[in-house]
Amino acid sequence: MMKIYRHKAYFTGVHVLLFIFLSATLYAYSPWIRVKVKELIDPAGNVYTIAHRGASGYAPENTLPAFELAIGMKADFIELDIHLTMDHIPVVIHDESVNRTTNGKGYVKNMTLEQITRLDAGSWFNKAYPMFARESYAGITIPTLEQVFDTFGKNIKYILEIKDSTPNNNIESLINEYITKYDLEKEVAIHSFSAASLRKFHQINPAIPLYQLVWNNYAASRVSESYLADVKSYAAGISPNFQGITSAYVAQVKNSGLKVMPYTVNYQVNMDKAYLWGVDGVYTNFPDRFLEVINTNRDNAQW
């Protein structure tokens, strides 16, 4: 009787191990199963496509054409960078100087709005990316934040990056004034590398979702729980560089109650990886590529 019992236990144990092995193998090599598991944990419908500086792979970054193109591609958000001019007007440009993306030279903070709007912010793109060049890009200007809000209103959601925050420039309050002026509190989120700037904005308007930008020099698999608790006190999520995260990192941050939206993911093999890791959104210069990845994964997951 004891031998029969041991035989059954051995038989059961072998089959359990085989089941675990087969399940792990299927999960590793079957996109369909990976997507199904991922969707049970975090539905794919919650994954946002964030057009990084607009559809900046196809049009000059941080310009109205780049934002128009992103909206036409059905991006969920357009991401744009905000600096202040010398006369304290929020303008949309990534770098602290105009050198890289215009025909001018100088720091944004040392130039008036009138000087900024005289610059050509499109011709550089036509020269750098002739395959996507358009005559209409030549001569386009750096837009103001107000111009963007006035042009697109509630037709798209926005993620604004606060650049060059200082105790004296009051950039957080100025941005909030434009958000409230155009009644866009439900359409706008803010992110920044500066925790101090995000905390300041949170005090000004706690209704606006905030995201802490993070740069990791290596592919981190964990982050300290104390850091996550600190970020959670003022922000809704973390936006790390994609090369600096792993699936374990994503799982830990999401389990803490924070969202994870990595940047800047331009190759579909990495977009697919991020999607299967369960991220909440992806920043990309090519929003159409990420939407294609989402749709492909959804098609693969059809029962």
C-alpha atoms as a PDB file:
ATOM      1  CA  MET A   1       0.000   0.000   0.000  1.00  0.00           C
ATOM      2  CA  MET A   2       2.873   2.358   0.896  1.00  0.00           C
ATOM      3  CA  LYS A   3       4.551   1.588  -2.440  1.00  0.00           C
ATOM      4  CA  ILE A   4       1.370   2.451  -4.352  1.00  0.00           C
ATOM      5  CA  TYR A   5       1.083   5.743  -2.435  1.00  0.00           C
ATOM      6  CA  ARG A   6       4.728   6.631  -3.181  1.00  0.00           C
ATOM      7  CA  HIS A   7       4.240   5.720  -6.823  1.00  0.00           C
ATOM      8  CA  LYS A   8       1.207   8.015  -7.075  1.00  0.00           C
ATOM      9  CA  ALA A   9       3.047  10.826  -5.306  1.00  0.00           C
ATOM     10  CA  TYR A  10       6.001  10.424  -7.655  1.00  0.00           C
ATOM     11  CA  PHE A  11       3.682  10.303 -10.670  1.00  0.00           C
ATOM     12  CA  THR A  12       1.850  13.453  -9.500  1.00  0.00           C
ATOM     13  CA  GLY A  13       5.089  15.287  -8.755  1.00  0.00           C
ATOM     14  CA  VAL A  14       6.524  14.536 -12.187  1.00  0.00           C
ATOM     15  CA  HIS A  15       3.368  15.811 -13.879  1.00  0.00           C
ATOM     16  CA  VAL A  16       3.342  18.977 -11.779  1.00  0.00           C
ATOM     17  CA  LEU A  17       6.935  19.675 -12.751  1.00  0.00           C
ATOM     18  CA  LEU A  18       6.151  18.988 -16.419  1.00  0.00           C
ATOM     19  CA  PHE A  19       3.168  21.342 -16.221  1.00  0.00           C
ATOM     20  CA  ILE A  20       5.309  24.117 -14.715  1.00  0.00           C
ATOM     21  CA  PHE A  21       8.028  23.568 -17.332  1.00  0.00           C
ATOM     22  CA  LEU A  22       5.555  23.602 -20.219  1.00  0.00           C
ATOM     23  CA  SER A  23       3.761  26.665 -18.863  1.00  0.00           C
ATOM     24  CA  ALA A  24       7.042  28.564 -18.509  1.00  0.00           C
ATOM     25  CA  THR A  25       8.122  27.512 -21.999  1.00  0.00           C
ATOM     26  CA  LEU A  26       4.816  28.552 -23.548  1.00  0.00           C
ATOM     27  CA  TYR A  27       4.930  31.892 -21.734  1.00  0.00           C
ATOM     28  CA  ALA A  28       8.478  32.523 -22.925  1.00  0.00           C
ATOM     29  CA  TYR A  29       7.874  31.643 -26.563  1.00  0.00           C
ATOM     30  CA  SER A  30       4.193  32.378 -27.193  1.00  0.00           C
ATOM     31  CA  PRO A  31       3.240  36.041 -27.770  1.00  0.00           C
ATOM     32  CA  TRP A  32      -0.433  35.068 -27.498  1.00  0.00           C
ATOM     33  CA  ILE A  33      -0.036  33.689 -23.971  1.00  0.00           C
ATOM     34  CA  ARG A  34       2.228  36.539 -22.854  1.00  0.00           C
ATOM     35  CA  VAL A  35      -0.309  39.081 -24.029  1.00  0.00           C
ATOM     36  CA  LYS A  36      -3.186  37.237 -22.378  1.00  0.00           C
ATOM     37  CA  VAL A  37      -1.338  37.120 -19.057  1.00  0.00           C
ATOM     38  CA  LYS A  38      -0.361  40.758 -19.426  1.00  0.00           C
ATOM     39  CA  GLU A  39      -3.934  41.802 -20.214  1.00  0.00           C
ATOM     40  CA  LEU A  40      -5.253  40.001 -17.138  1.00  0.00           C
ATOM     41  CA  ILE A  41      -2.819  41.968 -14.986  1.00  0.00           C
ATOM     42  CA  ASP A  42      -3.021  45.297 -16.818  1.00  0.00           C
ATOM     43  CA  PRO A  43      -5.497  45.701 -19.696  1.00  0.00           C
ATOM     44  CA  ALA A  44      -3.915  46.840 -22.957  1.00  0.00           C
ATOM     45  CA  GLY A  45      -6.496  49.587 -23.318  1.00  0.00           C
ATOM     46  CA  ASN A  46      -4.695  51.492 -20.555  1.00  0.00           C
ATOM     47  CA  VAL A  47      -1.420  51.775 -22.473  1.00  0.00           C
ATOM     48  CA  TYR A  48      -0.904  55.338 -23.712  1.00  0.00           C
ATOM     49  CA  THR A  49       0.880  56.406 -26.867  1.00  0.00           C
ATOM     50  CA  ILE A  50       2.794  59.600 -26.054  1.00  0.00           C
ATOM     51  CA  ALA A  51       4.128  61.542 -29.036  1.00  0.00           C
ATOM     52  CA  HIS A  52       7.539  62.727 -27.831  1.00  0.00           C
ATOM     53  CA  ARG A  53       7.862  66.388 -28.891  1.00  0.00           C
ATOM     54  CA  GLY A  54       5.011  65.544 -31.236  1.00  0.00           C
ATOM     55  CA  ALA A  55       5.519  63.070 -34.068  1.00  0.00           C
ATOM     56  CA  SER A  56       9.118  64.272 -34.066  1.00  0.00           C
ATOM     57  CA  GLY A  57      10.406  61.392 -36.168  1.00  0.00           C
ATOM     58  CA  TYR A  58       8.426  62.796 -39.096  1.00  0.00           C
ATOM     59  CA  ALA A  59       8.335  66.568 -38.478  1.00  0.00           C
ATOM     60  CA  PRO A  60      10.393  69.244 -36.699  1.00  0.00           C
ATOM     61  CA  GLU A  61      10.204  68.586 -32.970  1.00  0.00           C
ATOM     62  CA  ASN A  62       8.053  70.748 -30.706  1.00  0.00           C
ATOM     63  CA  THR A  63       6.311  72.523 -33.592  1.00  0.00           C
ATOM     64  CA  LEU A  64       2.656  72.772 -34.587  1.00  0.00           C
ATOM     65  CA  PRO A  65       3.147  70.452 -37.615  1.00  0.00           C
ATOM     66  CA  ALA A  66       4.664  67.767 -35.341  1.00  0.00           C
ATOM     67  CA  PHE A  67       1.697  68.052 -32.972  1.00  0.00           C
ATOM     68  CA  GLU A  68      -0.832  68.026 -35.837  1.00  0.00           C
ATOM     69  CA  LEU A  69       0.784  64.902 -37.247  1.00  0.00           C
ATOM     70  CA  ALA A  70       0.677  63.161 -33.842  1.00  0.00           C
ATOM     71  CA  ILE A  71      -3.008  63.971 -33.453  1.00  0.00           C
ATOM     72  CA  GLY A  72      -3.663  62.632 -36.954  1.00  0.00           C
ATOM     73  CA  MET A  73      -1.886  59.404 -35.964  1.00  0.00           C
ATOM     74  CA  LYS A  74      -4.259  59.044 -32.983  1.00  0.00           C
ATOM     75  CA  ALA A  75      -1.652  59.532 -30.256  1.00  0.00           C
ATOM     76  CA  ASP A  76      -3.142  59.787 -26.764  1.00  0.00           C
ATOM     77  CA  PHE A  77      -0.786  62.557 -25.623  1.00  0.00           C
ATOM     78  CA  ILE A  78       1.611  65.048 -27.133  1.00  0.00           C
ATOM     79  CA  GLU A  79       4.678  65.739 -25.012  1.00  0.00           C
ATOM     80  CA  LEU A  80       6.243  69.193 -25.191  1.00  0.00           C
ATOM     81  CA  ASP A  81       9.055  71.040 -23.421  1.00  0.00           C
ATOM     82  CA  ILE A  82       8.641  74.458 -21.838  1.00  0.00           C
ATOM     83  CA  HIS A  83      11.241  77.204 -21.373  1.00  0.00           C
ATOM     84  CA  LEU A  84      10.673  80.839 -20.447  1.00  0.00           C
ATOM     85  CA  THR A  85      11.811  83.715 -22.644  1.00  0.00           C
ATOM     86  CA  MET A  86      13.517  86.781 -21.209  1.00  0.00           C
ATOM     87  CA  ASP A  87      10.087  88.438 -21.015  1.00  0.00           C
ATOM     88  CA  HIS A  88       8.685  85.410 -19.145  1.00  0.00           C
ATOM     89  CA  ILE A  89       6.600  83.863 -21.916  1.00  0.00           C
ATOM     90  CA  PRO A  90       6.424  80.014 -21.928  1.00  0.00           C
ATOM     91  CA  VAL A  91       7.670  78.752 -25.295  1.00  0.00           C
ATOM     92  CA  VAL A  92       7.894  75.225 -26.628  1.00  0.00           C
ATOM     93  CA  ILE A  93      11.496  74.134 -27.169  1.00  0.00           C
ATOM     94  CA  HIS A  94      13.596  71.326 -25.710  1.00  0.00           C
ATOM     95  CA  ASP A  95      17.085  72.778 -25.448  1.00  0.00           C
ATOM     96  CA  GLU A  96      18.092  75.726 -23.303  1.00  0.00           C
ATOM     97  CA  SER A  97      19.512  77.336 -26.439  1.00  0.00           C
ATOM     98  CA  VAL A  98      18.025  77.770 -29.927  1.00  0.00           C
ATOM     99  CA  ASN A  99      21.229  76.599 -31.637  1.00  0.00           C
ATOM    100  CA  ARG A 100      20.277  73.021 -32.527  1.00  0.00           C
ATOM    101  CA  THR A 101      16.723  73.436 -33.817  1.00  0.00           C
ATOM    102  CA  THR A 102      16.696  76.915 -35.393  1.00  0.00           C
ATOM    103  CA  ASN A 103      18.819  79.166 -37.603  1.00  0.00           C
ATOM    104  CA  GLY A 104      19.683  81.338 -34.608  1.00  0.00           C
ATOM    105  CA  LYS A 105      22.075  81.224 -31.688  1.00  0.00           C
ATOM    106  CA  GLY A 106      21.634  82.057 -28.039  1.00  0.00           C
ATOM    107  CA  TYR A 107      19.891  81.006 -24.842  1.00  0.00           C
ATOM    108  CA  VAL A 108      16.105  81.090 -24.732  1.00  0.00           C
ATOM    109  CA  LYS A 109      16.160  82.868 -21.372  1.00  0.00           C
ATOM    110  CA  ASN A 110      18.238  85.703 -22.897  1.00  0.00           C
ATOM    111  CA  MET A 111      15.868  86.274 -25.838  1.00  0.00           C
ATOM    112  CA  THR A 112      12.522  88.055 -26.018  1.00  0.00           C
ATOM    113  CA  LEU A 113       9.472  86.417 -27.554  1.00  0.00           C
ATOM    114  CA  GLU A 114       9.770  88.744 -30.532  1.00  0.00           C
ATOM    115  CA  GLN A 115      13.342  87.555 -31.128  1.00  0.00           C
ATOM    116  CA  ILE A 116      12.328  83.913 -30.712  1.00  0.00           C
ATOM    117  CA  THR A 117       9.444  84.116 -33.190  1.00  0.00           C
ATOM    118  CA  ARG A 118      11.742  85.474 -35.920  1.00  0.00           C
ATOM    119  CA  LEU A 119      13.677  82.203 -36.016  1.00  0.00           C
ATOM    120  CA  ASP A 120      13.242  79.380 -38.546  1.00  0.00           C
ATOM    121  CA  ALA A 121      12.524  76.205 -36.541  1.00  0.00           C
ATOM    122  CA  GLY A 122      11.932  73.860 -39.476  1.00  0.00           C
ATOM    123  CA  SER A 123      14.654  74.043 -42.123  1.00  0.00           C
ATOM    124  CA  TRP A 124      17.167  72.169 -39.937  1.00  0.00           C
ATOM    125  CA  PHE A 125      14.837  69.154 -40.009  1.00  0.00           C
ATOM    126  CA  ASN A 126      14.606  69.142 -43.814  1.00  0.00           C
ATOM    127  CA  LYS A 127      18.400  69.066 -44.039  1.00  0.00           C
ATOM    128  CA  ALA A 128      18.829  66.414 -41.341  1.00  0.00           C
ATOM    129  CA  TYR A 129      15.999  64.138 -42.525  1.00  0.00           C
ATOM    130  CA  PRO A 130      15.512  64.620 -46.278  1.00  0.00           C
ATOM    131  CA  MET A 131      13.309  61.515 -46.493  1.00  0.00           C
ATOM    132  CA  PHE A 132      10.674  63.301 -44.382  1.00  0.00           C
ATOM    133  CA  ALA A 133      11.359  66.847 -45.590  1.00  0.00           C
ATOM    134  CA  ARG A 134       8.503  69.126 -46.615  1.00  0.00           C
ATOM    135  CA  GLU A 135       8.655  72.607 -48.101  1.00  0.00           C
ATOM    136  CA  SER A 136       6.045  73.717 -45.576  1.00  0.00           C
ATOM    137  CA  TYR A 137       8.447  73.018 -42.691  1.00  0.00           C
ATOM    138  CA  ALA A 138      10.845  75.758 -43.817  1.00  0.00           C
ATOM    139  CA  GLY A 139      10.189  78.936 -41.881  1.00  0.00           C
ATOM    140  CA  ILE A 140       7.900  77.525 -39.182  1.00  0.00           C
ATOM    141  CA  THR A 141       8.380  79.138 -35.804  1.00  0.00           C
ATOM    142  CA  ILE A 142       8.823  78.103 -32.183  1.00  0.00           C
ATOM    143  CA  PRO A 143       5.292  78.130 -30.734  1.00  0.00           C
ATOM    144  CA  THR A 144       4.260  79.549 -27.390  1.00  0.00           C
ATOM    145  CA  LEU A 145       2.450  77.324 -24.913  1.00  0.00           C
ATOM    146  CA  GLU A 146      -0.611  79.531 -25.330  1.00  0.00           C
ATOM    147  CA  GLN A 147      -0.491  79.068 -29.095  1.00  0.00           C
ATOM    148  CA  VAL A 148      -0.480  75.277 -28.662  1.00  0.00           C
ATOM    149  CA  PHE A 149      -3.419  75.353 -26.240  1.00  0.00           C
ATOM    150  CA  ASP A 150      -5.317  77.808 -28.447  1.00  0.00           C
ATOM    151  CA  THR A 151      -4.717  75.677 -31.556  1.00  0.00           C
ATOM    152  CA  PHE A 152      -5.528  72.221 -30.213  1.00  0.00           C
ATOM    153  CA  GLY A 153      -7.603  72.856 -27.079  1.00  0.00           C
ATOM    154  CA  LYS A 154      -9.243  69.682 -25.795  1.00  0.00           C
ATOM    155  CA  ASN A 155      -8.647  67.698 -29.000  1.00  0.00           C
ATOM    156  CA  ILE A 156      -5.582  66.054 -27.441  1.00  0.00           C
ATOM    157  CA  LYS A 157      -4.039  65.467 -24.029  1.00  0.00           C
ATOM    158  CA  TYR A 158      -0.734  67.054 -23.108  1.00  0.00           C
ATOM    159  CA  ILE A 159       2.336  66.193 -21.044  1.00  0.00           C
ATOM    160  CA  LEU A 160       4.396  69.305 -20.381  1.00  0.00           C
ATOM    161  CA  GLU A 161       8.024  69.076 -19.336  1.00  0.00           C
ATOM    162  CA  ILE A 162       9.166  71.903 -17.077  1.00  0.00           C
ATOM    163  CA  LYS A 163      12.686  72.959 -18.021  1.00  0.00           C
ATOM    164  CA  ASP A 164      15.091  75.248 -16.177  1.00  0.00           C
ATOM    165  CA  SER A 165      12.996  75.786 -13.069  1.00  0.00           C
ATOM    166  CA  THR A 166      14.527  78.280 -10.637  1.00  0.00           C
ATOM    167  CA  PRO A 167      13.247  79.792  -7.371  1.00  0.00           C
ATOM    168  CA  ASN A 168      12.799  83.128  -9.148  1.00  0.00           C
ATOM    169  CA  ASN A 169      11.387  82.395 -12.606  1.00  0.00           C
ATOM    170  CA  ASN A 170       7.970  81.194 -11.365  1.00  0.00           C
ATOM    171  CA  ILE A 171       7.575  78.875 -14.354  1.00  0.00           C
ATOM    172  CA  GLU A 172       5.236  76.507 -12.488  1.00  0.00           C
ATOM    173  CA  SER A 173       2.728  79.267 -11.695  1.00  0.00           C
ATOM    174  CA  LEU A 174       2.864  80.629 -15.243  1.00  0.00           C
ATOM    175  CA  ILE A 175       2.179  77.208 -16.760  1.00  0.00           C
ATOM    176  CA  ASN A 176      -0.701  76.638 -14.360  1.00  0.00           C
ATOM    177  CA  GLU A 177      -2.225  79.989 -15.359  1.00  0.00           C
ATOM    178  CA  TYR A 178      -2.412  78.887 -18.990  1.00  0.00           C
ATOM    179  CA  ILE A 179      -3.820  75.479 -18.028  1.00  0.00           C
ATOM    180  CA  THR A 180      -6.641  77.072 -16.041  1.00  0.00           C
ATOM    181  CA  LYS A 181      -7.199  79.826 -18.618  1.00  0.00           C
ATOM    182  CA  TYR A 182      -7.964  77.199 -21.273  1.00  0.00           C
ATOM    183  CA  ASP A 183      -9.771  74.889 -18.817  1.00  0.00           C
ATOM    184  CA  LEU A 184      -7.383  72.022 -19.510  1.00  0.00           C
ATOM    185  CA  GLU A 185      -6.877  70.589 -16.026  1.00  0.00           C
ATOM    186  CA  LYS A 186      -8.282  67.218 -17.155  1.00  0.00           C
ATOM    187  CA  GLU A 187      -6.178  67.203 -20.326  1.00  0.00           C
ATOM    188  CA  VAL A 188      -2.750  68.113 -18.931  1.00  0.00           C
ATOM    189  CA  ALA A 189      -0.069  66.252 -16.992  1.00  0.00           C
ATOM    190  CA  ILE A 190       3.346  67.595 -15.973  1.00  0.00           C
ATOM    191  CA  HIS A 191       6.718  65.897 -15.782  1.00  0.00           C
ATOM    192  CA  SER A 192      10.205  67.022 -14.882  1.00  0.00           C
ATOM    193  CA  PHE A 193      13.584  65.741 -13.727  1.00  0.00           C
ATOM    194  CA  SER A 194      13.333  68.272 -10.904  1.00  0.00           C
ATOM    195  CA  ALA A 195      11.513  66.846  -7.886  1.00  0.00           C
ATOM    196  CA  ALA A 196      11.535  70.340  -6.365  1.00  0.00           C
ATOM    197  CA  SER A 197       9.702  71.735  -9.387  1.00  0.00           C
ATOM    198  CA  LEU A 198       7.118  68.948  -9.276  1.00  0.00           C
ATOM    199  CA  ARG A 199       6.561  69.457  -5.550  1.00  0.00           C
ATOM    200  CA  LYS A 200       6.092  73.167  -6.173  1.00  0.00           C
ATOM    201  CA  PHE A 201       3.565  72.492  -8.923  1.00  0.00           C
ATOM    202  CA  HIS A 202       1.738  70.006  -6.706  1.00  0.00           C
ATOM    203  CA  GLN A 203       1.290  72.731  -4.100  1.00  0.00           C
ATOM    204  CA  ILE A 204      -0.009  75.145  -6.750  1.00  0.00           C
ATOM    205  CA  ASN A 205      -2.471  72.709  -8.334  1.00  0.00           C
ATOM    206  CA  PRO A 206      -2.783  69.230  -6.772  1.00  0.00           C
ATOM    207  CA  ALA A 207      -5.390  68.245  -9.403  1.00  0.00           C
ATOM    208  CA  ILE A 208      -2.761  67.968 -12.158  1.00  0.00           C
ATOM    209  CA  PRO A 209      -1.076  64.523 -12.483  1.00  0.00           C
ATOM    210  CA  LEU A 210       2.705  64.670 -12.149  1.00  0.00           C
ATOM    211  CA  TYR A 211       5.402  62.277 -13.350  1.00  0.00           C
ATOM    212  CA  GLN A 212       8.952  62.095 -12.069  1.00  0.00           C
ATOM    213  CA  LEU A 213      11.433  61.818 -14.927  1.00  0.00           C
ATOM    214  CA  VAL A 214      14.302  59.449 -14.120  1.00  0.00           C
ATOM    215  CA  TRP A 215      17.597  58.604 -15.813  1.00  0.00           C
ATOM    216  CA  ASN A 216      19.270  55.290 -14.915  1.00  0.00           C
ATOM    217  CA  ASN A 217      22.817  54.626 -16.097  1.00  0.00           C
ATOM    218  CA  TYR A 218      22.180  50.874 -16.135  1.00  0.00           C
ATOM    219  CA  ALA A 219      19.211  48.519 -16.481  1.00  0.00           C
ATOM    220  CA  ALA A 220      17.860  48.675 -12.945  1.00  0.00           C
ATOM    221  CA  SER A 221      15.892  45.704 -11.639  1.00  0.00           C
ATOM    222  CA  ARG A 222      14.882  47.374  -8.381  1.00  0.00           C
ATOM    223  CA  VAL A 223      14.406  50.793  -6.836  1.00  0.00           C
ATOM    224  CA  SER A 224      14.328  51.581  -3.131  1.00  0.00           C
ATOM    225  CA  GLU A 225      10.927  51.447  -1.463  1.00  0.00           C
ATOM    226  CA  SER A 226      11.698  54.699   0.361  1.00  0.00           C
ATOM    227  CA  TYR A 227      12.238  56.445  -2.971  1.00  0.00           C
ATOM    228  CA  LEU A 228       8.958  55.123  -4.334  1.00  0.00           C
ATOM    229  CA  ALA A 229       7.128  56.274  -1.206  1.00  0.00           C
ATOM    230  CA  ASP A 230       8.682  59.723  -1.568  1.00  0.00           C
ATOM    231  CA  VAL A 231       7.690  60.030  -5.248  1.00  0.00           C
ATOM    232  CA  LYS A 232       4.189  58.823  -4.437  1.00  0.00           C
ATOM    233  CA  SER A 233       3.753  61.762  -2.050  1.00  0.00           C
ATOM    234  CA  TYR A 234       3.594  64.197  -4.979  1.00  0.00           C
ATOM    235  CA  ALA A 235       3.463  62.250  -8.270  1.00  0.00           C
ATOM    236  CA  ALA A 236       1.235  59.752 -10.057  1.00  0.00           C
ATOM    237  CA  GLY A 237       4.085  57.904 -11.707  1.00  0.00           C
ATOM    238  CA  ILE A 238       7.664  57.593 -12.890  1.00  0.00           C
ATOM    239  CA  SER A 239       8.983  58.138 -16.422  1.00  0.00           C
ATOM    240  CA  PRO A 240      12.392  56.410 -16.696  1.00  0.00           C
ATOM    241  CA  ASN A 241      14.643  55.968 -19.718  1.00  0.00           C
ATOM    242  CA  PHE A 242      13.765  52.667 -21.375  1.00  0.00           C
ATOM    243  CA  GLN A 243      17.379  51.444 -21.433  1.00  0.00           C
ATOM    244  CA  GLY A 244      17.484  51.898 -17.653  1.00  0.00           C
ATOM    245  CA  ILE A 245      14.648  49.548 -16.701  1.00  0.00           C
ATOM    246  CA  THR A 246      13.745  45.869 -16.670  1.00  0.00           C
ATOM    247  CA  SER A 247      10.515  43.910 -16.326  1.00  0.00           C
ATOM    248  CA  ALA A 248      11.233  43.543 -12.578  1.00  0.00           C
ATOM    249  CA  TYR A 249      11.621  47.321 -12.243  1.00  0.00           C
ATOM    250  CA  VAL A 250       8.280  47.898 -13.999  1.00  0.00           C
ATOM    251  CA  ALA A 251       6.548  45.325 -11.778  1.00  0.00           C
ATOM    252  CA  GLN A 252       7.929  46.825  -8.568  1.00  0.00           C
ATOM    253  CA  VAL A 253       6.954  50.403  -9.459  1.00  0.00           C
ATOM    254  CA  LYS A 254       3.472  49.369 -10.573  1.00  0.00           C
ATOM    255  CA  ASN A 255       2.987  47.279  -7.428  1.00  0.00           C
ATOM    256  CA  SER A 256       3.764  50.384  -5.374  1.00  0.00           C
ATOM    257  CA  GLY A 257       0.767  52.120  -6.956  1.00  0.00           C
ATOM    258  CA  LEU A 258       2.731  54.337  -9.356  1.00  0.00           C
ATOM    259  CA  LYS A 259       2.444  54.348 -13.149  1.00  0.00           C
ATOM    260  CA  VAL A 260       5.452  53.631 -15.381  1.00  0.00           C
ATOM    261  CA  MET A 261       5.883  55.400 -18.724  1.00  0.00           C
ATOM    262  CA  PRO A 262       9.365  54.963 -20.238  1.00  0.00           C
ATOM    263  CA  TYR A 263      11.040  57.203 -22.808  1.00  0.00           C
ATOM    264  CA  THR A 264      12.085  57.352 -25.666  1.00  0.00           C
ATOM    265  CA  VAL A 265      11.196  54.076 -27.402  1.00  0.00           C
ATOM    266  CA  ASN A 266      11.534  54.234 -31.194  1.00  0.00           C
ATOM    267  CA  TYR A 267      12.178  50.644 -32.288  1.00  0.00           C
ATOM    268  CA  GLN A 268       9.250  48.251 -32.443  1.00  0.00           C
ATOM    269  CA  VAL A 269      11.180  45.375 -30.857  1.00  0.00           C
ATOM    270  CA  ASN A 270      11.607  47.543 -27.735  1.00  0.00           C
ATOM    271  CA  MET A 271       8.034  48.833 -27.952  1.00  0.00           C
ATOM    272  CA  ASP A 272       6.833  45.233 -27.935  1.00  0.00           C
ATOM    273  CA  LYS A 273       9.008  44.465 -24.925  1.00  0.00           C
ATOM    274  CA  ALA A 274       7.702  47.521 -23.029  1.00  0.00           C
ATOM    275  CA  TYR A 275       4.117  46.586 -23.862  1.00  0.00           C
ATOM    276  CA  LEU A 276       4.566  43.035 -22.588  1.00  0.00           C
ATOM    277  CA  TRP A 277       6.221  44.314 -19.416  1.00  0.00           C
ATOM    278  CA  GLY A 278       2.972  46.102 -18.635  1.00  0.00           C
ATOM    279  CA  VAL A 279       4.022  49.750 -18.865  1.00  0.00           C
ATOM    280  CA  ASP A 280       1.274  52.378 -18.691  1.00  0.00           C
ATOM    281  CA  GLY A 281       2.527  54.385 -21.643  1.00  0.00           C
ATOM    282  CA  VAL A 282       5.439  54.861 -24.018  1.00  0.00           C
ATOM    283  CA  TYR A 283       7.089  58.065 -25.202  1.00  0.00           C
ATOM    284  CA  THR A 284       8.066  57.755 -28.845  1.00  0.00           C
ATOM    285  CA  ASN A 285       9.018  59.923 -31.812  1.00  0.00           C
ATOM    286  CA  PHE A 286       6.976  57.531 -33.976  1.00  0.00           C
ATOM    287  CA  PRO A 287       3.485  57.203 -32.462  1.00  0.00           C
ATOM    288  CA  ASP A 288       2.195  55.239 -35.453  1.00  0.00           C
ATOM    289  CA  ARG A 289       4.768  52.497 -34.782  1.00  0.00           C
ATOM    290  CA  PHE A 290       3.693  52.009 -31.172  1.00  0.00           C
ATOM    291  CA  LEU A 291       0.009  51.978 -32.123  1.00  0.00           C
ATOM    292  CA  GLU A 292       0.867  49.251 -34.641  1.00  0.00           C
ATOM    293  CA  VAL A 293       2.573  47.256 -31.857  1.00  0.00           C
ATOM    294  CA  ILE A 294      -0.483  47.621 -29.611  1.00  0.00           C
ATOM    295  CA  ASN A 295      -2.842  46.515 -32.387  1.00  0.00           C
ATOM    296  CA  THR A 296      -0.634  43.557 -33.336  1.00  0.00           C
ATOM    297  CA  ASN A 297      -0.505  42.347 -29.748  1.00  0.00           C
ATOM    298  CA  ARG A 298      -4.258  42.726 -29.406  1.00  0.00           C
ATOM    299  CA  ASP A 299      -4.793  40.756 -32.611  1.00  0.00           C
ATOM    300  CA  ASN A 300      -2.459  38.005 -31.335  1.00  0.00           C
ATOM    301  CA  ALA A 301      -4.460  37.867 -28.121  1.00  0.00           C
ATOM    302  CA  GLN A 302      -7.820  37.245 -29.774  1.00  0.00           C
ATOM    303  CA  TRP A 303      -9.442  34.096 -28.461  1.00  0.00           C
END
